[in-house]
């Protein structure tokens, strides 16, 4: 049994990770800042640790004695201003690294994103040699790049760091898909250039599989793309989910020029460009294979939405 510390444990991916770790017999403590988050963590069976992410002095003593830190906390609202992204994603990551090193934790696993490579051009069949883009015009992308660099640069003998990069994490309770469905119902969503570009996506259980394998097998100082290894057409993928979420209104189309004028980055990059990622490195180094296939993932979403409406 290992002792595991998690930041972001009350979030979408974090809750699935905590359940996975507890189910494997590990003990889990998770950083929380609110009563609501503490209640979620406690309900899972993990120990909530009260503290402020960006102030490691408020929680670093609680990290001592753990075997690994999983760092999932970040600003996920792409419309937030740069100051907010800098505070939560950059300063929060530096604080988590500092706390783990201070406590003598030997392993640190960061939940990164392909967004750290986005600066305007599509990602087409890229691998982990593609450069991070801290110079991106999008605050979300730039700060994710800076955060990953902080993690990987911290790798030293006795403090092994790994970054796992899932793309478009979906599944039951996905705030991203639920948000897009709500926007579509309200008339605030459009297909950019028809939405028929190819993309990789990652079911939440597959993202968690990548994180766990990153802990167990990841080479220190390395990053790994994790996907469903089942490429989809964005429009068909989202239409299947919109049907589950009860979107029954016509969705308009928008050309790229109009999207550039009306939509913020990186939202238009995320929804309007091809994004295909190679996972060879994760397969070879980690032994990664998806644990949930596409059809089973859609069934899980369908079941969760049905239960929520019952």
Protein backbone atom coordinates (compact mmCIF):
# COMPACT_ATOMS: atom_id res chain seq x y z
CA UNK A 1 0.00 0.00 0.00
CA UNK A 2 1.24 3.47 -0.90
CA UNK A 3 0.47 6.83 0.70
CA UNK A 4 -0.75 9.24 -1.98
CA UNK A 5 -1.32 12.99 -1.89
CA UNK A 6 -3.54 14.62 -4.53
CA UNK A 7 -4.21 18.24 -5.48
CA UNK A 8 -7.42 18.77 -7.41
CA UNK A 9 -8.90 15.62 -5.91
CA UNK A 10 -12.44 17.04 -5.80
CA UNK A 11 -12.45 17.79 -9.54
CA UNK A 12 -13.69 15.74 -12.48
CA UNK A 13 -10.50 13.78 -13.14
CA UNK A 14 -9.42 13.99 -9.50
CA UNK A 15 -12.43 12.16 -8.11
CA UNK A 16 -11.96 9.29 -10.55
CA UNK A 17 -8.25 9.12 -9.66
CA UNK A 18 -9.00 9.08 -5.92
CA UNK A 19 -11.53 6.26 -6.37
CA UNK A 20 -9.01 4.30 -8.43
CA UNK A 21 -6.26 4.71 -5.83
CA UNK A 22 -8.51 3.82 -2.91
CA UNK A 23 -9.84 0.81 -4.81
CA UNK A 24 -6.25 -0.40 -5.24
CA UNK A 25 -5.75 -0.28 -1.47
CA UNK A 26 -3.73 2.94 -1.22
CA UNK A 27 -4.34 5.64 1.36
CA UNK A 28 -5.19 9.03 -0.13
CA UNK A 29 -5.07 12.57 1.22
CA UNK A 30 -6.32 15.44 -0.93
CA UNK A 31 -5.82 19.18 -0.69
CA UNK A 32 -9.07 21.15 -0.37
CA UNK A 33 -9.88 24.81 0.20
CA UNK A 34 -13.66 24.71 0.76
CA UNK A 35 -16.21 22.78 2.77
CA UNK A 36 -17.82 21.58 -0.44
CA UNK A 37 -14.54 20.13 -1.72
CA UNK A 38 -13.81 18.59 1.67
CA UNK A 39 -17.21 16.90 1.63
CA UNK A 40 -16.57 15.43 -1.83
CA UNK A 41 -13.18 14.07 -0.80
CA UNK A 42 -14.52 12.64 2.45
CA UNK A 43 -17.42 10.98 0.62
CA UNK A 44 -14.90 9.18 -1.58
CA UNK A 45 -13.14 7.83 1.51
CA UNK A 46 -10.02 10.03 1.30
CA UNK A 47 -8.66 12.43 3.91
CA UNK A 48 -9.26 16.12 3.16
CA UNK A 49 -6.35 18.47 3.94
CA UNK A 50 -7.34 22.12 4.28
CA UNK A 51 -4.99 24.62 2.70
CA UNK A 52 -4.46 27.21 -0.02
CA UNK A 53 -2.84 25.74 -3.14
CA UNK A 54 -0.69 28.76 -3.87
CA UNK A 55 0.58 28.97 -0.28
CA UNK A 56 2.47 25.74 0.43
CA UNK A 57 3.14 26.85 4.02
CA UNK A 58 -0.53 26.15 4.74
CA UNK A 59 -0.31 22.48 3.78
CA UNK A 60 3.22 21.26 3.07
CA UNK A 61 3.64 19.62 6.49
CA UNK A 62 0.72 17.33 5.62
CA UNK A 63 2.59 16.00 2.57
CA UNK A 64 5.35 14.37 4.63
CA UNK A 65 5.33 10.58 4.57
CA UNK A 66 3.64 10.24 1.19
CA UNK A 67 5.08 8.20 -1.65
CA UNK A 68 3.78 10.31 -4.51
CA UNK A 69 2.05 13.61 -5.20
CA UNK A 70 -0.46 13.78 -8.05
CA UNK A 71 -0.89 17.42 -9.06
CA UNK A 72 -4.17 17.99 -10.91
CA UNK A 73 -5.18 21.43 -9.64
CA UNK A 74 -5.17 24.16 -12.31
CA UNK A 75 -7.34 26.95 -13.69
CA UNK A 76 -9.61 25.26 -16.25
CA UNK A 77 -11.72 28.25 -17.31
CA UNK A 78 -10.20 29.25 -20.63
CA UNK A 79 -12.01 32.60 -20.45
CA UNK A 80 -10.31 33.58 -17.18
CA UNK A 81 -7.79 36.41 -17.39
CA UNK A 82 -4.06 35.82 -17.53
CA UNK A 83 -3.58 36.90 -13.92
CA UNK A 84 -5.90 34.15 -12.75
CA UNK A 85 -4.15 31.53 -14.88
CA UNK A 86 -0.77 32.69 -13.61
CA UNK A 87 -1.94 32.51 -10.01
CA UNK A 88 -3.57 29.08 -10.04
CA UNK A 89 -1.78 27.17 -12.77
CA UNK A 90 1.74 28.58 -12.54
CA UNK A 91 2.07 29.60 -8.90
CA UNK A 92 -0.03 26.63 -7.83
CA UNK A 93 2.24 24.21 -9.67
CA UNK A 94 5.37 25.80 -8.24
CA UNK A 95 3.84 25.57 -4.77
CA UNK A 96 2.99 21.89 -5.25
CA UNK A 97 6.52 21.11 -6.43
CA UNK A 98 7.98 23.06 -3.51
CA UNK A 99 5.75 21.29 -0.99
CA UNK A 100 6.59 17.84 -2.34
CA UNK A 101 10.34 18.54 -2.31
CA UNK A 102 10.15 20.04 1.18
CA UNK A 103 8.34 16.92 2.42
CA UNK A 104 10.82 14.56 0.77
CA UNK A 105 8.27 12.91 -1.52
CA UNK A 106 10.18 10.86 -4.10
CA UNK A 107 7.68 11.00 -7.00
CA UNK A 108 5.62 13.79 -8.55
CA UNK A 109 3.05 13.26 -11.32
CA UNK A 110 1.59 16.29 -13.09
CA UNK A 111 -1.63 16.30 -15.11
CA UNK A 112 -0.67 18.33 -18.15
CA UNK A 113 -2.42 18.93 -21.45
CA UNK A 114 -1.81 19.11 -25.17
CA UNK A 115 -2.96 22.71 -24.80
CA UNK A 116 0.56 23.51 -23.62
CA UNK A 117 1.62 23.08 -27.27
CA UNK A 118 -1.07 25.28 -28.81
CA UNK A 119 -0.09 28.61 -30.30
CA UNK A 120 -2.39 28.89 -33.32
CA UNK A 121 -1.44 26.00 -35.61
CA UNK A 122 -3.20 22.61 -35.61
CA UNK A 123 -1.46 19.69 -33.93
CA UNK A 124 -1.23 16.95 -36.53
CA UNK A 125 0.12 13.56 -35.49
CA UNK A 126 2.56 15.19 -33.08
CA UNK A 127 4.63 13.43 -30.45
CA UNK A 128 6.34 14.58 -27.27
CA UNK A 129 9.24 16.16 -29.17
CA UNK A 130 6.91 19.04 -30.18
CA UNK A 131 7.90 22.14 -28.19
CA UNK A 132 5.97 23.67 -25.31
CA UNK A 133 4.57 27.11 -26.18
CA UNK A 134 4.86 29.46 -23.19
CA UNK A 135 4.74 32.22 -25.82
CA UNK A 136 1.16 31.31 -26.81
CA UNK A 137 -1.34 34.16 -27.14
CA UNK A 138 -3.80 32.08 -25.11
CA UNK A 139 -3.27 32.47 -21.36
CA UNK A 140 -4.52 28.93 -20.70
CA UNK A 141 -2.04 27.39 -23.13
CA UNK A 142 0.90 29.58 -22.12
CA UNK A 143 0.48 28.90 -18.41
CA UNK A 144 0.00 25.15 -18.93
CA UNK A 145 3.31 25.21 -20.80
CA UNK A 146 5.05 27.12 -18.02
CA UNK A 147 3.59 24.80 -15.39
CA UNK A 148 4.82 21.68 -17.18
CA UNK A 149 8.28 23.19 -17.56
CA UNK A 150 8.37 23.86 -13.81
CA UNK A 151 7.55 20.21 -13.15
CA UNK A 152 9.99 18.65 -15.60
CA UNK A 153 12.81 21.07 -14.73
CA UNK A 154 12.41 20.06 -11.07
CA UNK A 155 13.33 16.46 -11.87
CA UNK A 156 16.44 15.43 -9.93
CA UNK A 157 17.92 12.35 -8.36
CA UNK A 158 15.58 11.49 -5.51
CA UNK A 159 12.72 13.61 -6.89
CA UNK A 160 11.33 12.07 -10.05
CA UNK A 161 8.81 14.14 -11.99
CA UNK A 162 6.53 13.06 -14.84
CA UNK A 163 3.86 14.90 -16.84
CA UNK A 164 0.84 13.08 -18.29
CA UNK A 165 -1.02 14.89 -21.10
CA UNK A 166 -4.58 13.71 -21.80
CA UNK A 167 -6.52 15.43 -24.59
CA UNK A 168 -10.22 16.47 -24.27
CA UNK A 169 -11.12 14.44 -21.19
CA UNK A 170 -14.73 13.26 -21.34
CA UNK A 171 -17.01 10.91 -19.44
CA UNK A 172 -19.77 11.01 -16.81
CA UNK A 173 -19.80 14.43 -15.17
CA UNK A 174 -17.45 16.09 -17.67
CA UNK A 175 -17.83 19.83 -17.06
CA UNK A 176 -16.40 20.43 -20.54
CA UNK A 177 -18.97 18.37 -22.45
CA UNK A 178 -21.80 19.45 -20.15
CA UNK A 179 -20.79 23.07 -20.73
CA UNK A 180 -20.76 22.64 -24.50
CA UNK A 181 -24.15 20.93 -24.38
CA UNK A 182 -25.59 23.77 -22.30
CA UNK A 183 -24.16 26.32 -24.73
CA UNK A 184 -25.68 24.44 -27.66
CA UNK A 185 -29.11 24.42 -25.98
CA UNK A 186 -28.83 28.15 -25.40
CA UNK A 187 -27.81 28.90 -28.99
CA UNK A 188 -24.26 29.76 -28.01
CA UNK A 189 -22.43 27.03 -29.91
CA UNK A 190 -21.55 26.65 -33.59
CA UNK A 191 -19.61 24.20 -35.71
CA UNK A 192 -16.43 25.90 -36.95
CA UNK A 193 -15.94 25.02 -40.62
CA UNK A 194 -18.50 22.28 -40.16
CA UNK A 195 -16.70 20.70 -37.21
CA UNK A 196 -15.49 17.83 -39.38
CA UNK A 197 -11.84 17.84 -38.36
CA UNK A 198 -10.20 14.84 -36.73
CA UNK A 199 -9.32 14.91 -33.07
CA UNK A 200 -8.12 12.72 -30.25
CA UNK A 201 -10.13 12.48 -27.04
CA UNK A 202 -9.55 10.75 -23.70
CA UNK A 203 -12.18 9.04 -21.56
CA UNK A 204 -11.65 9.94 -17.92
CA UNK A 205 -10.79 6.40 -16.83
CA UNK A 206 -8.14 6.27 -19.55
CA UNK A 207 -6.69 9.57 -18.36
CA UNK A 208 -6.47 8.13 -14.85
CA UNK A 209 -4.85 4.97 -16.19
CA UNK A 210 -2.18 7.18 -17.74
CA UNK A 211 -1.64 9.06 -14.48
CA UNK A 212 -1.26 5.86 -12.46
CA UNK A 213 1.13 4.36 -15.01
CA UNK A 214 3.07 7.62 -15.01
CA UNK A 215 3.59 7.14 -11.29
CA UNK A 216 4.49 3.48 -11.55
CA UNK A 217 6.50 3.36 -14.78
CA UNK A 218 7.13 6.85 -16.15
CA UNK A 219 10.72 7.80 -16.91
CA UNK A 220 11.81 10.72 -14.72
CA UNK A 221 11.70 14.07 -16.46
CA UNK A 222 9.43 12.87 -19.28
CA UNK A 223 6.02 13.83 -20.65
CA UNK A 224 3.49 11.42 -22.18
CA UNK A 225 0.41 11.91 -24.35
CA UNK A 226 -2.57 9.82 -23.28
CA UNK A 227 -5.66 9.37 -25.49
CA UNK A 228 -8.37 6.82 -26.22
CA UNK A 229 -6.28 5.69 -29.21
CA UNK A 230 -9.54 6.02 -31.14
CA UNK A 231 -9.61 9.15 -33.26
CA UNK A 232 -12.96 10.78 -33.91
CA UNK A 233 -14.50 13.51 -36.00
CA UNK A 234 -15.28 16.29 -33.54
CA UNK A 235 -18.77 16.88 -34.89
CA UNK A 236 -19.80 13.21 -34.75
CA UNK A 237 -18.27 12.84 -31.29
CA UNK A 238 -20.08 15.84 -29.86
CA UNK A 239 -23.35 15.08 -31.66
CA UNK A 240 -23.43 11.68 -29.96
CA UNK A 241 -22.97 13.39 -26.58
CA UNK A 242 -25.39 16.22 -27.32
CA UNK A 243 -28.06 13.64 -28.07
CA UNK A 244 -27.46 12.08 -24.64
CA UNK A 245 -27.69 15.49 -22.98
CA UNK A 246 -30.94 16.33 -24.76
CA UNK A 247 -29.73 18.97 -27.21
CA UNK A 248 -32.58 19.15 -29.72
CA UNK A 249 -32.02 22.53 -31.37
CA UNK A 250 -30.33 23.17 -34.73
CA UNK A 251 -26.66 24.04 -34.37
CA UNK A 252 -25.40 26.67 -36.81
CA UNK A 253 -22.10 26.65 -38.66
CA UNK A 254 -19.42 29.32 -38.57
CA UNK A 255 -16.46 29.83 -40.88
CA UNK A 256 -12.95 30.18 -39.49
CA UNK A 257 -12.76 33.90 -40.28
CA UNK A 258 -15.92 34.61 -38.29
CA UNK A 259 -14.73 32.40 -35.44
CA UNK A 260 -11.46 34.35 -35.30
CA UNK A 261 -13.44 37.56 -34.87
CA UNK A 262 -16.00 36.27 -32.39
CA UNK A 263 -14.42 33.48 -30.34
CA UNK A 264 -11.56 33.73 -27.83
CA UNK A 265 -8.43 31.65 -28.08
CA UNK A 266 -7.86 28.83 -27.27
CA UNK A 267 -11.56 27.95 -27.53
CA UNK A 268 -11.58 28.36 -31.30
CA UNK A 269 -8.36 26.35 -31.58
CA UNK A 270 -9.84 23.62 -29.43
CA UNK A 271 -13.08 23.45 -31.42
CA UNK A 272 -11.87 24.50 -34.86
CA UNK A 273 -8.62 22.67 -35.54
CA UNK A 274 -7.34 19.16 -36.04
CA UNK A 275 -5.58 17.73 -32.99
CA UNK A 276 -4.06 14.29 -33.37
CA UNK A 277 -1.43 13.00 -30.98
CA UNK A 278 0.91 10.03 -31.06
CA UNK A 279 0.88 7.78 -28.00
CA UNK A 280 3.73 5.45 -29.02
CA UNK A 281 5.89 6.66 -26.14
CA UNK A 282 3.21 5.91 -23.55
CA UNK A 283 2.62 2.48 -25.04
CA UNK A 284 6.34 1.61 -25.03
CA UNK A 285 7.42 3.20 -21.74
CA UNK A 286 4.28 2.81 -19.66
CA UNK A 287 2.60 -0.19 -21.25
CA UNK A 288 -0.42 2.07 -21.74
CA UNK A 289 -3.58 0.76 -23.32
CA UNK A 290 -7.06 2.27 -22.90
CA UNK A 291 -9.09 0.57 -20.18
CA UNK A 292 -12.45 1.82 -21.51
CA UNK A 293 -13.30 1.78 -25.21
CA UNK A 294 -15.33 4.41 -27.03
CA UNK A 295 -18.64 2.54 -27.03
CA UNK A 296 -18.40 1.65 -23.34
CA UNK A 297 -17.55 5.28 -22.56
CA UNK A 298 -20.67 6.55 -24.33
CA UNK A 299 -22.73 3.95 -22.48
CA UNK A 300 -21.32 5.19 -19.18
CA UNK A 301 -22.25 8.79 -20.04
CA UNK A 302 -25.71 7.68 -21.14
CA UNK A 303 -26.23 5.79 -17.88
CA UNK A 304 -25.03 8.68 -15.71
CA UNK A 305 -27.28 11.20 -17.46
CA UNK A 306 -30.23 8.81 -17.20
CA UNK A 307 -29.64 8.38 -13.48
CA UNK A 308 -29.36 12.14 -12.94
CA UNK A 309 -32.71 12.68 -14.64
CA UNK A 310 -34.46 9.85 -12.81
